[in-house]
Amino acid sequence: MTRLVVATRNPGKVREIREILADAPNWEVVGLDDLGIPESPEEDDVEAYETFEENALAKARWFAAKTGALALADDSGLCVDALDGRPGVRSRRFAPVDEARGERQDEANNRHLLALLAGVPDERRTARYVCAAAAAWPDGRELVRTGTCEGVILPAPRGTGGFGYDPLFYIEDEGQTFGELPAERKNARSHRGRAVRALVQALSAVNKKGAIT
């Protein structure tokens, strides 16, 4: 078994990545809490870049060095066409509420998004989730893969599943939001599911060949 450290403090992401990789053979998926890695203030400054790929790689490098193990990190966000691609890489802290964390931050972000989209007609509420998933080894090798998922932002949340903007993100051919879809179905369609599966496929090739492909 190859240990893969999921480099995030977000329990929703850890849960989703474990579910996405549930059928992946030969991988031991562990979280930072499983390893007893304490949170440090410096972590907040790691994702300081303007692209999902750069942020994911920076976070993977940071935790690979900290844990001495192969680390998987992702940076993902919501890009809304009517907002010129915002919130984008600022998705996690989109709302102007510095003290909000966890579920409170999610609720504040969703309220802020809906306020900005007030009066925008349905046909202009198109959006996409984007995910860059990166892996880094302590020896400096690294890989990154991306995934996207198209949707529409509803005027009110639906469903209690998922996290972040999921209750607002509607998949037209599913007829449900990510907050309503069963976890297995969401993971099959989601940006994170696509990016993480592509990354682990590449990592498996590395394990077999001993070189990055």
N, C-alpha and C. Protein backbone atom coordinates (compact mmCIF):
# COMPACT_ATOMS: atom_id res chain seq x y z
N MET A 1 0.84 -1.20 0.00
CA MET A 1 0.00 0.00 0.00
C MET A 1 0.87 1.25 0.00
N THR A 2 0.50 2.22 -0.84
CA THR A 2 1.20 3.51 -0.86
C THR A 2 0.38 4.53 -0.09
N ARG A 3 1.01 5.19 0.89
CA ARG A 3 0.29 6.19 1.68
C ARG A 3 0.14 7.47 0.89
N LEU A 4 -1.07 8.01 0.91
CA LEU A 4 -1.38 9.27 0.23
C LEU A 4 -2.01 10.20 1.25
N VAL A 5 -1.30 11.27 1.60
CA VAL A 5 -1.78 12.21 2.60
C VAL A 5 -2.64 13.27 1.92
N VAL A 6 -3.89 13.38 2.36
CA VAL A 6 -4.79 14.40 1.81
C VAL A 6 -4.51 15.72 2.54
N ALA A 7 -3.94 16.66 1.82
CA ALA A 7 -3.43 17.89 2.42
C ALA A 7 -4.51 18.97 2.47
N THR A 8 -5.43 18.83 3.40
CA THR A 8 -6.47 19.84 3.59
C THR A 8 -6.97 19.79 5.02
N ARG A 9 -7.45 20.93 5.51
CA ARG A 9 -8.09 20.99 6.82
C ARG A 9 -9.60 20.92 6.69
N ASN A 10 -10.09 20.81 5.46
CA ASN A 10 -11.53 20.77 5.21
C ASN A 10 -12.03 19.33 5.32
N PRO A 11 -12.82 19.00 6.35
CA PRO A 11 -13.27 17.61 6.51
C PRO A 11 -14.16 17.14 5.36
N GLY A 12 -14.89 18.08 4.74
CA GLY A 12 -15.71 17.70 3.59
C GLY A 12 -14.87 17.21 2.43
N LYS A 13 -13.75 17.88 2.19
CA LYS A 13 -12.85 17.46 1.11
C LYS A 13 -12.22 16.11 1.41
N VAL A 14 -11.77 15.92 2.65
CA VAL A 14 -11.18 14.64 3.03
C VAL A 14 -12.18 13.52 2.79
N ARG A 15 -13.42 13.74 3.23
CA ARG A 15 -14.45 12.72 3.06
C ARG A 15 -14.69 12.42 1.58
N GLU A 16 -14.80 13.47 0.77
CA GLU A 16 -15.06 13.26 -0.66
C GLU A 16 -13.92 12.53 -1.33
N ILE A 17 -12.68 12.90 -1.03
CA ILE A 17 -11.55 12.25 -1.67
C ILE A 17 -11.46 10.79 -1.26
N ARG A 18 -11.76 10.49 0.00
CA ARG A 18 -11.79 9.09 0.43
C ARG A 18 -12.86 8.32 -0.35
N GLU A 19 -14.02 8.93 -0.53
CA GLU A 19 -15.10 8.27 -1.27
C GLU A 19 -14.72 8.09 -2.74
N ILE A 20 -14.11 9.11 -3.33
CA ILE A 20 -13.70 9.02 -4.73
C ILE A 20 -12.70 7.89 -4.95
N LEU A 21 -11.81 7.69 -3.98
CA LEU A 21 -10.75 6.70 -4.11
C LEU A 21 -11.07 5.39 -3.40
N ALA A 22 -12.33 5.21 -3.02
CA ALA A 22 -12.69 4.00 -2.27
C ALA A 22 -12.37 2.73 -3.04
N ASP A 23 -12.48 2.78 -4.36
CA ASP A 23 -12.24 1.58 -5.17
C ASP A 23 -10.85 1.56 -5.79
N ALA A 24 -10.01 2.55 -5.45
CA ALA A 24 -8.65 2.58 -6.00
C ALA A 24 -7.76 1.63 -5.22
N PRO A 25 -7.18 0.62 -5.89
CA PRO A 25 -6.36 -0.35 -5.16
C PRO A 25 -5.01 0.20 -4.76
N ASN A 26 -4.48 -0.34 -3.69
CA ASN A 26 -3.10 -0.09 -3.28
C ASN A 26 -2.82 1.32 -2.77
N TRP A 27 -3.87 2.04 -2.35
CA TRP A 27 -3.67 3.39 -1.82
C TRP A 27 -4.24 3.47 -0.41
N GLU A 28 -3.41 3.94 0.52
CA GLU A 28 -3.86 4.20 1.88
C GLU A 28 -4.08 5.71 2.01
N VAL A 29 -5.34 6.12 2.04
CA VAL A 29 -5.68 7.54 2.07
C VAL A 29 -5.82 7.98 3.52
N VAL A 30 -4.99 8.95 3.93
CA VAL A 30 -5.02 9.43 5.31
C VAL A 30 -5.13 10.95 5.31
N GLY A 31 -5.77 11.48 6.35
CA GLY A 31 -5.89 12.92 6.52
C GLY A 31 -4.84 13.46 7.48
N LEU A 32 -4.73 14.77 7.55
CA LEU A 32 -3.76 15.39 8.44
C LEU A 32 -4.07 15.09 9.90
N ASP A 33 -5.36 15.04 10.23
CA ASP A 33 -5.74 14.72 11.61
C ASP A 33 -5.35 13.30 11.97
N ASP A 34 -5.44 12.38 10.99
CA ASP A 34 -5.05 10.99 11.25
C ASP A 34 -3.58 10.90 11.65
N LEU A 35 -2.77 11.81 11.10
CA LEU A 35 -1.34 11.80 11.38
C LEU A 35 -0.97 12.69 12.56
N GLY A 36 -1.96 13.39 13.10
CA GLY A 36 -1.69 14.29 14.23
C GLY A 36 -0.87 15.50 13.84
N ILE A 37 -1.06 15.99 12.61
CA ILE A 37 -0.32 17.17 12.15
C ILE A 37 -1.05 18.41 12.64
N PRO A 38 -0.48 19.16 13.56
CA PRO A 38 -1.18 20.33 14.10
C PRO A 38 -1.28 21.44 13.07
N GLU A 39 -2.35 22.21 13.16
CA GLU A 39 -2.54 23.33 12.25
C GLU A 39 -1.60 24.47 12.65
N SER A 40 -1.04 25.13 11.64
CA SER A 40 -0.13 26.24 11.91
C SER A 40 -0.58 27.48 11.15
N PRO A 41 -0.31 28.67 11.69
CA PRO A 41 -0.72 29.91 11.04
C PRO A 41 -0.13 30.06 9.63
N GLU A 42 1.05 29.48 9.40
CA GLU A 42 1.70 29.62 8.11
C GLU A 42 0.90 28.99 6.97
N GLU A 43 0.03 28.03 7.30
CA GLU A 43 -0.75 27.36 6.26
C GLU A 43 -1.64 28.33 5.49
N ASP A 44 -2.11 29.37 6.16
CA ASP A 44 -3.01 30.32 5.51
C ASP A 44 -2.33 31.09 4.39
N ASP A 45 -1.00 31.13 4.41
CA ASP A 45 -0.26 31.90 3.41
C ASP A 45 0.23 31.05 2.24
N VAL A 46 -0.01 29.75 2.29
CA VAL A 46 0.51 28.86 1.25
C VAL A 46 -0.20 29.10 -0.09
N GLU A 47 -1.54 29.22 -0.04
CA GLU A 47 -2.31 29.40 -1.27
C GLU A 47 -2.38 30.89 -1.62
N ALA A 48 -1.28 31.41 -2.13
CA ALA A 48 -1.17 32.85 -2.39
C ALA A 48 -1.14 33.18 -3.88
N TYR A 49 -1.51 32.21 -4.72
CA TYR A 49 -1.34 32.38 -6.16
C TYR A 49 -2.67 32.68 -6.85
N GLU A 50 -2.59 32.96 -8.15
CA GLU A 50 -3.76 33.40 -8.90
C GLU A 50 -4.38 32.30 -9.77
N THR A 51 -3.84 31.09 -9.70
CA THR A 51 -4.43 29.98 -10.45
C THR A 51 -4.65 28.80 -9.52
N PHE A 52 -5.62 27.96 -9.87
CA PHE A 52 -5.90 26.76 -9.08
C PHE A 52 -4.69 25.83 -9.09
N GLU A 53 -4.03 25.70 -10.24
CA GLU A 53 -2.90 24.79 -10.36
C GLU A 53 -1.75 25.20 -9.44
N GLU A 54 -1.40 26.50 -9.43
CA GLU A 54 -0.30 26.96 -8.59
C GLU A 54 -0.62 26.77 -7.11
N ASN A 55 -1.85 27.06 -6.72
CA ASN A 55 -2.22 26.90 -5.31
C ASN A 55 -2.20 25.44 -4.89
N ALA A 56 -2.71 24.54 -5.75
CA ALA A 56 -2.71 23.12 -5.41
C ALA A 56 -1.29 22.59 -5.27
N LEU A 57 -0.42 22.97 -6.18
CA LEU A 57 0.96 22.52 -6.11
C LEU A 57 1.66 23.07 -4.88
N ALA A 58 1.43 24.33 -4.55
CA ALA A 58 2.06 24.92 -3.38
C ALA A 58 1.65 24.19 -2.10
N LYS A 59 0.37 23.86 -2.01
CA LYS A 59 -0.12 23.17 -0.82
C LYS A 59 0.42 21.74 -0.74
N ALA A 60 0.47 21.06 -1.89
CA ALA A 60 1.01 19.69 -1.91
C ALA A 60 2.48 19.69 -1.51
N ARG A 61 3.25 20.65 -2.03
CA ARG A 61 4.68 20.73 -1.67
C ARG A 61 4.85 20.98 -0.17
N TRP A 62 4.03 21.89 0.35
CA TRP A 62 4.13 22.25 1.77
C TRP A 62 3.93 21.03 2.66
N PHE A 63 2.88 20.26 2.39
CA PHE A 63 2.57 19.14 3.26
C PHE A 63 3.43 17.91 2.96
N ALA A 64 3.95 17.79 1.76
CA ALA A 64 4.91 16.71 1.50
C ALA A 64 6.16 16.93 2.34
N ALA A 65 6.62 18.19 2.40
CA ALA A 65 7.79 18.51 3.22
C ALA A 65 7.49 18.33 4.70
N LYS A 66 6.29 18.67 5.11
CA LYS A 66 5.93 18.62 6.53
C LYS A 66 5.73 17.18 7.02
N THR A 67 5.18 16.32 6.15
CA THR A 67 4.87 14.95 6.56
C THR A 67 5.92 13.94 6.11
N GLY A 68 6.74 14.29 5.13
CA GLY A 68 7.69 13.34 4.59
C GLY A 68 7.04 12.25 3.77
N ALA A 69 5.83 12.51 3.28
CA ALA A 69 5.08 11.51 2.52
C ALA A 69 4.52 12.13 1.24
N LEU A 70 4.06 11.28 0.35
CA LEU A 70 3.38 11.74 -0.86
C LEU A 70 2.10 12.45 -0.44
N ALA A 71 1.96 13.72 -0.87
CA ALA A 71 0.81 14.53 -0.45
C ALA A 71 -0.05 14.89 -1.66
N LEU A 72 -1.36 14.80 -1.46
CA LEU A 72 -2.34 15.21 -2.46
C LEU A 72 -3.07 16.43 -1.96
N ALA A 73 -3.08 17.47 -2.77
CA ALA A 73 -3.81 18.69 -2.42
C ALA A 73 -4.64 19.11 -3.61
N ASP A 74 -5.75 19.76 -3.33
CA ASP A 74 -6.51 20.32 -4.44
C ASP A 74 -6.86 21.77 -4.13
N ASP A 75 -6.96 22.54 -5.20
CA ASP A 75 -7.52 23.88 -5.07
C ASP A 75 -8.68 23.93 -6.05
N SER A 76 -9.82 24.28 -5.54
CA SER A 76 -11.01 24.26 -6.38
C SER A 76 -11.86 25.48 -6.08
N GLY A 77 -12.73 25.79 -7.00
CA GLY A 77 -13.59 26.94 -6.79
C GLY A 77 -14.67 27.04 -7.83
N LEU A 78 -15.52 28.02 -7.62
CA LEU A 78 -16.66 28.27 -8.48
C LEU A 78 -16.38 29.49 -9.35
N CYS A 79 -16.58 29.33 -10.65
CA CYS A 79 -16.36 30.43 -11.60
C CYS A 79 -17.71 30.76 -12.25
N VAL A 80 -18.23 31.94 -11.95
CA VAL A 80 -19.55 32.35 -12.41
C VAL A 80 -19.41 33.31 -13.58
N ASP A 81 -20.04 32.99 -14.70
CA ASP A 81 -19.87 33.79 -15.92
C ASP A 81 -20.33 35.23 -15.74
N ALA A 82 -21.47 35.42 -15.08
CA ALA A 82 -22.01 36.77 -14.91
C ALA A 82 -21.15 37.64 -13.99
N LEU A 83 -20.25 37.00 -13.25
CA LEU A 83 -19.34 37.73 -12.35
C LEU A 83 -17.91 37.72 -12.89
N ASP A 84 -17.79 37.50 -14.20
CA ASP A 84 -16.46 37.50 -14.85
C ASP A 84 -15.52 36.48 -14.24
N GLY A 85 -16.07 35.33 -13.88
CA GLY A 85 -15.25 34.24 -13.36
C GLY A 85 -15.06 34.22 -11.86
N ARG A 86 -15.56 35.22 -11.16
CA ARG A 86 -15.50 35.19 -9.70
C ARG A 86 -16.50 34.18 -9.16
N PRO A 87 -16.27 33.67 -7.95
CA PRO A 87 -15.17 33.97 -7.04
C PRO A 87 -13.83 33.31 -7.38
N GLY A 88 -13.83 32.28 -8.24
CA GLY A 88 -12.57 31.68 -8.68
C GLY A 88 -11.71 31.20 -7.53
N VAL A 89 -10.43 31.57 -7.57
CA VAL A 89 -9.51 31.10 -6.52
C VAL A 89 -9.82 31.72 -5.16
N ARG A 90 -10.73 32.69 -5.11
CA ARG A 90 -11.15 33.29 -3.84
C ARG A 90 -12.43 32.65 -3.30
N SER A 91 -12.82 31.51 -3.83
CA SER A 91 -14.10 30.90 -3.48
C SER A 91 -14.23 30.60 -2.00
N ARG A 92 -13.17 30.16 -1.38
CA ARG A 92 -13.26 29.73 0.03
C ARG A 92 -13.54 30.91 0.95
N ARG A 93 -13.03 32.08 0.61
CA ARG A 93 -13.24 33.26 1.45
C ARG A 93 -13.79 34.40 0.60
N PHE A 94 -14.87 34.12 -0.06
CA PHE A 94 -15.48 35.09 -0.98
C PHE A 94 -16.21 36.19 -0.25
N ALA A 95 -16.95 35.83 0.77
CA ALA A 95 -17.74 36.81 1.52
C ALA A 95 -16.84 37.71 2.35
N PRO A 96 -17.21 38.98 2.52
CA PRO A 96 -16.39 39.90 3.33
C PRO A 96 -16.66 39.72 4.81
N VAL A 97 -16.42 38.50 5.29
CA VAL A 97 -16.64 38.20 6.71
C VAL A 97 -15.42 37.42 7.19
N ASP A 98 -14.44 38.14 7.71
CA ASP A 98 -13.17 37.51 8.06
C ASP A 98 -13.30 36.48 9.18
N GLU A 99 -14.26 36.71 10.06
CA GLU A 99 -14.35 35.83 11.23
C GLU A 99 -15.12 34.54 10.95
N ALA A 100 -15.77 34.44 9.80
CA ALA A 100 -16.57 33.24 9.51
C ALA A 100 -15.65 32.08 9.16
N ARG A 101 -15.96 30.91 9.69
CA ARG A 101 -15.20 29.70 9.42
C ARG A 101 -16.15 28.54 9.22
N GLY A 102 -15.66 27.50 8.52
CA GLY A 102 -16.44 26.28 8.38
C GLY A 102 -17.80 26.52 7.77
N GLU A 103 -18.83 25.97 8.41
CA GLU A 103 -20.18 26.11 7.89
C GLU A 103 -20.61 27.58 7.86
N ARG A 104 -20.20 28.35 8.83
CA ARG A 104 -20.55 29.78 8.83
C ARG A 104 -19.96 30.47 7.62
N GLN A 105 -18.73 30.10 7.25
CA GLN A 105 -18.12 30.69 6.06
C GLN A 105 -18.89 30.28 4.81
N ASP A 106 -19.28 29.01 4.73
CA ASP A 106 -20.06 28.55 3.57
C ASP A 106 -21.36 29.34 3.44
N GLU A 107 -22.05 29.51 4.56
CA GLU A 107 -23.31 30.25 4.53
C GLU A 107 -23.10 31.70 4.11
N ALA A 108 -22.04 32.33 4.62
CA ALA A 108 -21.74 33.70 4.26
C ALA A 108 -21.39 33.82 2.78
N ASN A 109 -20.61 32.86 2.28
CA ASN A 109 -20.26 32.87 0.85
C ASN A 109 -21.49 32.74 -0.03
N ASN A 110 -22.38 31.85 0.34
CA ASN A 110 -23.58 31.64 -0.46
C ASN A 110 -24.48 32.88 -0.46
N ARG A 111 -24.63 33.51 0.70
CA ARG A 111 -25.43 34.73 0.77
C ARG A 111 -24.82 35.83 -0.10
N HIS A 112 -23.51 35.96 -0.04
CA HIS A 112 -22.83 36.98 -0.82
C HIS A 112 -22.99 36.73 -2.32
N LEU A 113 -22.84 35.48 -2.72
CA LEU A 113 -23.02 35.13 -4.13
C LEU A 113 -24.42 35.46 -4.61
N LEU A 114 -25.43 35.08 -3.84
CA LEU A 114 -26.81 35.35 -4.23
C LEU A 114 -27.09 36.85 -4.29
N ALA A 115 -26.51 37.60 -3.39
CA ALA A 115 -26.71 39.05 -3.42
C ALA A 115 -26.12 39.66 -4.69
N LEU A 116 -24.96 39.18 -5.10
CA LEU A 116 -24.32 39.70 -6.31
C LEU A 116 -25.09 39.31 -7.57
N LEU A 117 -25.80 38.18 -7.50
CA LEU A 117 -26.55 37.70 -8.67
C LEU A 117 -28.02 38.11 -8.64
N ALA A 118 -28.41 38.90 -7.67
CA ALA A 118 -29.81 39.35 -7.59
C ALA A 118 -30.20 40.06 -8.89
N GLY A 119 -31.30 39.62 -9.47
CA GLY A 119 -31.79 40.23 -10.70
C GLY A 119 -31.17 39.68 -11.97
N VAL A 120 -30.16 38.83 -11.85
CA VAL A 120 -29.56 38.22 -13.05
C VAL A 120 -30.48 37.11 -13.54
N PRO A 121 -30.91 37.14 -14.82
CA PRO A 121 -31.84 36.13 -15.32
C PRO A 121 -31.22 34.74 -15.38
N ASP A 122 -32.08 33.73 -15.39
CA ASP A 122 -31.63 32.34 -15.33
C ASP A 122 -30.61 32.01 -16.41
N GLU A 123 -30.83 32.51 -17.62
CA GLU A 123 -29.95 32.14 -18.73
C GLU A 123 -28.53 32.71 -18.59
N ARG A 124 -28.36 33.65 -17.66
CA ARG A 124 -27.04 34.25 -17.46
C ARG A 124 -26.39 33.79 -16.15
N ARG A 125 -26.98 32.78 -15.51
CA ARG A 125 -26.45 32.30 -14.22
C ARG A 125 -25.59 31.06 -14.39
N THR A 126 -25.02 30.89 -15.58
CA THR A 126 -24.16 29.74 -15.84
C THR A 126 -22.85 29.85 -15.05
N ALA A 127 -22.31 28.69 -14.70
CA ALA A 127 -21.10 28.65 -13.88
C ALA A 127 -20.43 27.30 -14.05
N ARG A 128 -19.23 27.21 -13.53
CA ARG A 128 -18.56 25.92 -13.52
C ARG A 128 -17.70 25.81 -12.26
N TYR A 129 -17.65 24.60 -11.78
CA TYR A 129 -16.70 24.26 -10.73
C TYR A 129 -15.40 23.84 -11.42
N VAL A 130 -14.28 24.28 -10.88
CA VAL A 130 -12.96 23.90 -11.40
C VAL A 130 -12.13 23.34 -10.26
N CYS A 131 -11.42 22.27 -10.54
CA CYS A 131 -10.54 21.68 -9.53
C CYS A 131 -9.19 21.35 -10.15
N ALA A 132 -8.13 21.76 -9.49
CA ALA A 132 -6.79 21.30 -9.80
C ALA A 132 -6.33 20.41 -8.66
N ALA A 133 -6.00 19.17 -8.96
CA ALA A 133 -5.51 18.22 -7.95
C ALA A 133 -4.02 18.00 -8.21
N ALA A 134 -3.23 18.18 -7.17
CA ALA A 134 -1.78 18.07 -7.30
C ALA A 134 -1.23 17.05 -6.32
N ALA A 135 -0.16 16.40 -6.72
CA ALA A 135 0.56 15.50 -5.84
C ALA A 135 2.02 15.91 -5.81
N ALA A 136 2.63 15.83 -4.65
CA ALA A 136 4.04 16.16 -4.50
C ALA A 136 4.72 15.13 -3.61
N TRP A 137 5.91 14.73 -4.01
CA TRP A 137 6.75 13.85 -3.22
C TRP A 137 7.75 14.70 -2.43
N PRO A 138 8.24 14.21 -1.31
CA PRO A 138 9.26 14.95 -0.56
C PRO A 138 10.54 15.19 -1.38
N ASP A 139 10.79 14.35 -2.40
CA ASP A 139 12.01 14.52 -3.19
C ASP A 139 11.88 15.55 -4.31
N GLY A 140 10.71 16.21 -4.38
CA GLY A 140 10.55 17.29 -5.35
C GLY A 140 9.77 16.93 -6.60
N ARG A 141 9.49 15.68 -6.82
CA ARG A 141 8.66 15.31 -7.97
C ARG A 141 7.22 15.78 -7.73
N GLU A 142 6.50 16.05 -8.81
CA GLU A 142 5.13 16.52 -8.65
C GLU A 142 4.32 16.27 -9.92
N LEU A 143 3.02 16.22 -9.72
CA LEU A 143 2.04 16.02 -10.79
C LEU A 143 0.83 16.89 -10.52
N VAL A 144 0.12 17.28 -11.57
CA VAL A 144 -1.13 18.02 -11.40
C VAL A 144 -2.09 17.63 -12.52
N ARG A 145 -3.36 17.49 -12.18
CA ARG A 145 -4.42 17.22 -13.14
C ARG A 145 -5.61 18.12 -12.80
N THR A 146 -6.43 18.45 -13.79
CA THR A 146 -7.58 19.34 -13.57
C THR A 146 -8.89 18.66 -14.00
N GLY A 147 -9.98 19.16 -13.44
CA GLY A 147 -11.32 18.70 -13.80
C GLY A 147 -12.31 19.84 -13.68
N THR A 148 -13.36 19.81 -14.49
CA THR A 148 -14.39 20.85 -14.44
C THR A 148 -15.78 20.21 -14.47
N CYS A 149 -16.77 20.98 -14.06
CA CYS A 149 -18.17 20.55 -14.12
C CYS A 149 -19.04 21.78 -14.35
N GLU A 150 -19.89 21.72 -15.37
CA GLU A 150 -20.74 22.85 -15.74
C GLU A 150 -22.07 22.79 -14.98
N GLY A 151 -22.59 23.99 -14.62
CA GLY A 151 -23.86 24.05 -13.93
C GLY A 151 -24.47 25.43 -14.00
N VAL A 152 -25.51 25.64 -13.20
CA VAL A 152 -26.24 26.91 -13.13
C VAL A 152 -26.42 27.25 -11.66
N ILE A 153 -26.33 28.53 -11.32
CA ILE A 153 -26.54 28.96 -9.94
C ILE A 153 -28.01 29.27 -9.71
N LEU A 154 -28.62 28.54 -8.80
CA LEU A 154 -30.04 28.75 -8.48
C LEU A 154 -30.21 30.01 -7.61
N PRO A 155 -31.44 30.56 -7.57
CA PRO A 155 -31.68 31.74 -6.73
C PRO A 155 -31.84 31.42 -5.25
N ALA A 156 -31.91 30.14 -4.90
CA ALA A 156 -32.04 29.73 -3.50
C ALA A 156 -31.44 28.34 -3.35
N PRO A 157 -30.87 28.01 -2.19
CA PRO A 157 -30.24 26.70 -2.00
C PRO A 157 -31.25 25.57 -1.98
N ARG A 158 -30.77 24.40 -2.43
CA ARG A 158 -31.57 23.18 -2.39
C ARG A 158 -30.69 22.02 -1.97
N GLY A 159 -31.14 21.31 -0.95
CA GLY A 159 -30.40 20.15 -0.48
C GLY A 159 -29.46 20.49 0.66
N THR A 160 -29.12 19.46 1.43
CA THR A 160 -28.26 19.64 2.60
C THR A 160 -26.96 18.87 2.49
N GLY A 161 -26.72 18.23 1.36
CA GLY A 161 -25.50 17.45 1.19
C GLY A 161 -24.36 18.31 0.70
N GLY A 162 -23.18 17.68 0.59
CA GLY A 162 -22.02 18.39 0.09
C GLY A 162 -21.57 19.48 1.04
N PHE A 163 -20.93 20.51 0.48
CA PHE A 163 -20.46 21.64 1.27
C PHE A 163 -20.20 22.79 0.32
N GLY A 164 -19.83 23.93 0.87
CA GLY A 164 -19.53 25.09 0.02
C GLY A 164 -20.76 25.57 -0.74
N TYR A 165 -20.59 25.76 -2.04
CA TYR A 165 -21.66 26.28 -2.89
C TYR A 165 -22.58 25.17 -3.43
N ASP A 166 -22.39 23.94 -2.97
CA ASP A 166 -23.12 22.79 -3.55
C ASP A 166 -24.64 22.96 -3.58
N PRO A 167 -25.27 23.52 -2.53
CA PRO A 167 -26.74 23.64 -2.59
C PRO A 167 -27.24 24.63 -3.64
N LEU A 168 -26.35 25.46 -4.17
CA LEU A 168 -26.75 26.42 -5.21
C LEU A 168 -26.38 25.95 -6.61
N PHE A 169 -25.53 24.94 -6.71
CA PHE A 169 -24.98 24.53 -8.00
C PHE A 169 -25.84 23.43 -8.61
N TYR A 170 -26.58 23.80 -9.63
CA TYR A 170 -27.60 22.94 -10.24
C TYR A 170 -27.06 22.31 -11.52
N ILE A 171 -27.17 20.98 -11.62
CA ILE A 171 -26.76 20.24 -12.81
C ILE A 171 -28.02 19.95 -13.62
N GLU A 172 -28.13 20.56 -14.78
CA GLU A 172 -29.39 20.52 -15.53
C GLU A 172 -29.78 19.10 -15.94
N ASP A 173 -28.84 18.30 -16.42
CA ASP A 173 -29.24 16.96 -16.88
C ASP A 173 -29.48 15.99 -15.72
N GLU A 174 -29.09 16.37 -14.51
CA GLU A 174 -29.41 15.57 -13.32
C GLU A 174 -30.72 16.05 -12.69
N GLY A 175 -31.07 17.31 -12.91
CA GLY A 175 -32.26 17.88 -12.29
C GLY A 175 -32.11 18.10 -10.80
N GLN A 176 -30.88 18.16 -10.32
CA GLN A 176 -30.61 18.34 -8.90
C GLN A 176 -29.36 19.19 -8.71
N THR A 177 -29.25 19.75 -7.50
CA THR A 177 -28.02 20.43 -7.13
C THR A 177 -27.02 19.42 -6.57
N PHE A 178 -25.78 19.86 -6.42
CA PHE A 178 -24.80 19.01 -5.75
C PHE A 178 -25.19 18.78 -4.30
N GLY A 179 -26.00 19.66 -3.74
CA GLY A 179 -26.48 19.47 -2.39
C GLY A 179 -27.57 18.42 -2.28
N GLU A 180 -28.17 18.06 -3.42
CA GLU A 180 -29.24 17.05 -3.45
C GLU A 180 -28.77 15.70 -3.96
N LEU A 181 -27.77 15.69 -4.83
CA LEU A 181 -27.31 14.43 -5.41
C LEU A 181 -26.74 13.50 -4.34
N PRO A 182 -26.99 12.20 -4.44
CA PRO A 182 -26.30 11.26 -3.55
C PRO A 182 -24.80 11.39 -3.74
N ALA A 183 -24.04 11.13 -2.68
CA ALA A 183 -22.60 11.33 -2.72
C ALA A 183 -21.94 10.56 -3.86
N GLU A 184 -22.37 9.33 -4.09
CA GLU A 184 -21.77 8.52 -5.15
C GLU A 184 -21.97 9.15 -6.52
N ARG A 185 -23.18 9.68 -6.74
CA ARG A 185 -23.46 10.31 -8.03
C ARG A 185 -22.72 11.63 -8.18
N LYS A 186 -22.67 12.41 -7.10
CA LYS A 186 -21.94 13.66 -7.14
C LYS A 186 -20.47 13.42 -7.46
N ASN A 187 -19.86 12.45 -6.81
CA ASN A 187 -18.45 12.17 -7.03
C ASN A 187 -18.16 11.71 -8.45
N ALA A 188 -19.15 11.07 -9.07
CA ALA A 188 -18.99 10.63 -10.45
C ALA A 188 -19.00 11.80 -11.42
N ARG A 189 -19.73 12.88 -11.07
CA ARG A 189 -19.88 14.02 -11.96
C ARG A 189 -18.98 15.20 -11.63
N SER A 190 -18.49 15.26 -10.42
CA SER A 190 -17.90 16.50 -9.93
C SER A 190 -16.52 16.79 -10.52
N HIS A 191 -16.17 18.06 -10.47
CA HIS A 191 -14.84 18.54 -10.84
C HIS A 191 -13.76 17.86 -10.02
N ARG A 192 -14.01 17.70 -8.71
CA ARG A 192 -13.01 17.08 -7.84
C ARG A 192 -12.87 15.60 -8.16
N GLY A 193 -13.97 14.93 -8.40
CA GLY A 193 -13.91 13.53 -8.75
C GLY A 193 -13.10 13.30 -10.01
N ARG A 194 -13.33 14.13 -11.02
CA ARG A 194 -12.61 13.98 -12.28
C ARG A 194 -11.12 14.26 -12.11
N ALA A 195 -10.80 15.33 -11.38
CA ALA A 195 -9.39 15.69 -11.21
C ALA A 195 -8.64 14.66 -10.37
N VAL A 196 -9.24 14.22 -9.27
CA VAL A 196 -8.57 13.28 -8.37
C VAL A 196 -8.39 11.93 -9.03
N ARG A 197 -9.42 11.44 -9.74
CA ARG A 197 -9.27 10.16 -10.43
C ARG A 197 -8.18 10.21 -11.49
N ALA A 198 -8.11 11.32 -12.24
CA ALA A 198 -7.06 11.46 -13.25
C ALA A 198 -5.68 11.50 -12.60
N LEU A 199 -5.59 12.19 -11.46
CA LEU A 199 -4.31 12.28 -10.77
C LEU A 199 -3.86 10.92 -10.25
N VAL A 200 -4.77 10.19 -9.62
CA VAL A 200 -4.39 8.90 -9.06
C VAL A 200 -4.06 7.90 -10.16
N GLN A 201 -4.72 8.01 -11.30
CA GLN A 201 -4.36 7.17 -12.44
C GLN A 201 -2.91 7.45 -12.86
N ALA A 202 -2.55 8.73 -12.89
CA ALA A 202 -1.17 9.09 -13.23
C ALA A 202 -0.20 8.63 -12.15
N LEU A 203 -0.58 8.74 -10.88
CA LEU A 203 0.28 8.28 -9.79
C LEU A 203 0.49 6.77 -9.84
N SER A 204 -0.55 6.04 -10.22
CA SER A 204 -0.43 4.59 -10.34
C SER A 204 0.56 4.23 -11.43
N ALA A 205 0.55 5.01 -12.52
CA ALA A 205 1.52 4.78 -13.59
C ALA A 205 2.94 5.04 -13.11
N VAL A 206 3.10 6.07 -12.26
CA VAL A 206 4.41 6.38 -11.70
C VAL A 206 4.89 5.20 -10.84
N ASN A 207 3.99 4.67 -10.02
CA ASN A 207 4.35 3.54 -9.16
C ASN A 207 4.82 2.34 -9.96
N LYS A 208 4.18 2.12 -11.11
CA LYS A 208 4.53 0.96 -11.94
C LYS A 208 5.83 1.17 -12.69
N LYS A 209 6.03 2.39 -13.19
CA LYS A 209 7.18 2.63 -14.07
C LYS A 209 8.35 3.28 -13.34
N GLY A 210 8.06 3.86 -12.16
CA GLY A 210 9.12 4.51 -11.42
C GLY A 210 9.52 5.86 -11.97
N ALA A 211 8.65 6.43 -12.83
CA ALA A 211 8.93 7.75 -13.39
C ALA A 211 7.62 8.43 -13.67
N ILE A 212 7.65 9.75 -13.70
CA ILE A 212 6.43 10.53 -13.96
C ILE A 212 6.03 10.38 -15.41
N THR A 213 4.73 10.13 -15.65
CA THR A 213 4.22 10.05 -17.02
C THR A 213 3.18 11.10 -17.24
